């Protein structure tokens, strides 16, 4: 892990400590969780990482259907309840 130092207002520090006690976790864990949320909301995952994540699941699931590459749009529409065509 990367160690860093931050400055919080007294109010922020009190609120974080209270929340940490309520959740039975460390203040650092709450801060890491918060940073993760901000990064996700800002789309901080690079395009290359998105591609690698997508490729990592290729071949890991089986539908039992042999025509997915041809009728993928139909199957997705069916799965998401889209009856328009």
Protein backbone atom coordinates (compact mmCIF):
# COMPACT_ATOMS: atom_id res chain seq x y z
CA UNK A 1 0.00 0.00 0.00
CA UNK A 2 0.99 3.58 -0.58
CA UNK A 3 1.21 5.68 2.56
CA UNK A 4 0.09 9.29 2.37
CA UNK A 5 -0.89 12.06 4.72
CA UNK A 6 -4.01 14.21 4.51
CA UNK A 7 -5.44 17.07 6.50
CA UNK A 8 -9.05 17.04 7.64
CA UNK A 9 -11.13 19.59 9.43
CA UNK A 10 -11.98 18.78 13.03
CA UNK A 11 -15.56 18.10 11.98
CA UNK A 12 -14.48 15.70 9.22
CA UNK A 13 -12.18 13.83 11.58
CA UNK A 14 -14.91 13.46 14.23
CA UNK A 15 -17.45 12.29 11.67
CA UNK A 16 -15.02 9.78 10.18
CA UNK A 17 -14.09 8.37 13.58
CA UNK A 18 -17.76 8.02 14.51
CA UNK A 19 -18.58 6.31 11.22
CA UNK A 20 -15.59 3.99 11.57
CA UNK A 21 -16.73 2.97 15.05
CA UNK A 22 -20.30 2.39 13.84
CA UNK A 23 -19.10 0.23 10.93
CA UNK A 24 -16.39 -1.43 13.05
CA UNK A 25 -13.69 -0.56 10.51
CA UNK A 26 -10.69 1.74 10.48
CA UNK A 27 -10.79 5.37 9.40
CA UNK A 28 -8.26 4.44 6.72
CA UNK A 29 -10.66 1.81 5.32
CA UNK A 30 -13.41 4.41 5.02
CA UNK A 31 -11.04 6.83 3.30
CA UNK A 32 -9.89 4.13 0.82
CA UNK A 33 -13.53 3.22 0.12
CA UNK A 34 -14.32 6.88 -0.48
CA UNK A 35 -11.37 7.33 -2.83
CA UNK A 36 -12.45 4.23 -4.77
CA UNK A 37 -15.95 5.65 -5.13
CA UNK A 38 -14.66 8.99 -6.42
CA UNK A 39 -12.37 7.27 -8.90
CA UNK A 40 -15.19 5.04 -10.15
CA UNK A 41 -17.54 8.01 -10.51
CA UNK A 42 -14.93 9.89 -12.53
CA UNK A 43 -14.29 6.96 -14.86
CA UNK A 44 -10.74 6.63 -13.58
CA UNK A 45 -10.30 3.14 -14.99
CA UNK A 46 -8.21 3.46 -18.13
CA UNK A 47 -9.43 2.21 -21.48
CA UNK A 48 -6.70 -0.42 -21.50
CA UNK A 49 -7.81 -1.72 -18.10
CA UNK A 50 -11.44 -1.81 -19.23
CA UNK A 51 -10.39 -3.89 -22.22
CA UNK A 52 -8.32 -6.22 -20.05
CA UNK A 53 -11.24 -6.70 -17.64
CA UNK A 54 -13.59 -7.50 -20.50
CA UNK A 55 -11.15 -9.95 -22.06
CA UNK A 56 -10.63 -11.65 -18.70
CA UNK A 57 -14.21 -12.96 -18.74
CA UNK A 58 -14.13 -14.29 -22.29
CA UNK A 59 -14.88 -17.99 -22.29
CA UNK A 60 -15.66 -18.19 -18.57
CA UNK A 61 -19.42 -18.52 -18.96
CA UNK A 62 -21.52 -20.90 -21.00
CA UNK A 63 -25.05 -20.24 -22.22
CA UNK A 64 -25.66 -23.57 -23.89
CA UNK A 65 -26.52 -21.71 -27.09
CA UNK A 66 -24.42 -22.13 -30.22
CA UNK A 67 -25.52 -18.99 -32.10
CA UNK A 68 -24.64 -16.21 -29.64
CA UNK A 69 -22.28 -14.48 -32.08
CA UNK A 70 -25.05 -14.26 -34.67
CA UNK A 71 -28.07 -13.44 -32.48
CA UNK A 72 -26.44 -11.59 -29.57
CA UNK A 73 -28.67 -8.53 -29.98
CA UNK A 74 -31.79 -10.67 -29.83
CA UNK A 75 -30.60 -12.43 -26.68
CA UNK A 76 -29.70 -9.14 -25.00
CA UNK A 77 -33.06 -7.62 -25.89
CA UNK A 78 -34.78 -10.69 -24.46
CA UNK A 79 -32.69 -10.59 -21.29
CA UNK A 80 -33.41 -6.90 -20.69
CA UNK A 81 -37.08 -7.14 -21.59
CA UNK A 82 -36.81 -5.08 -24.76
CA UNK A 83 -39.62 -6.34 -26.95
CA UNK A 84 -39.20 -3.62 -29.61
CA UNK A 85 -37.60 -4.64 -32.85
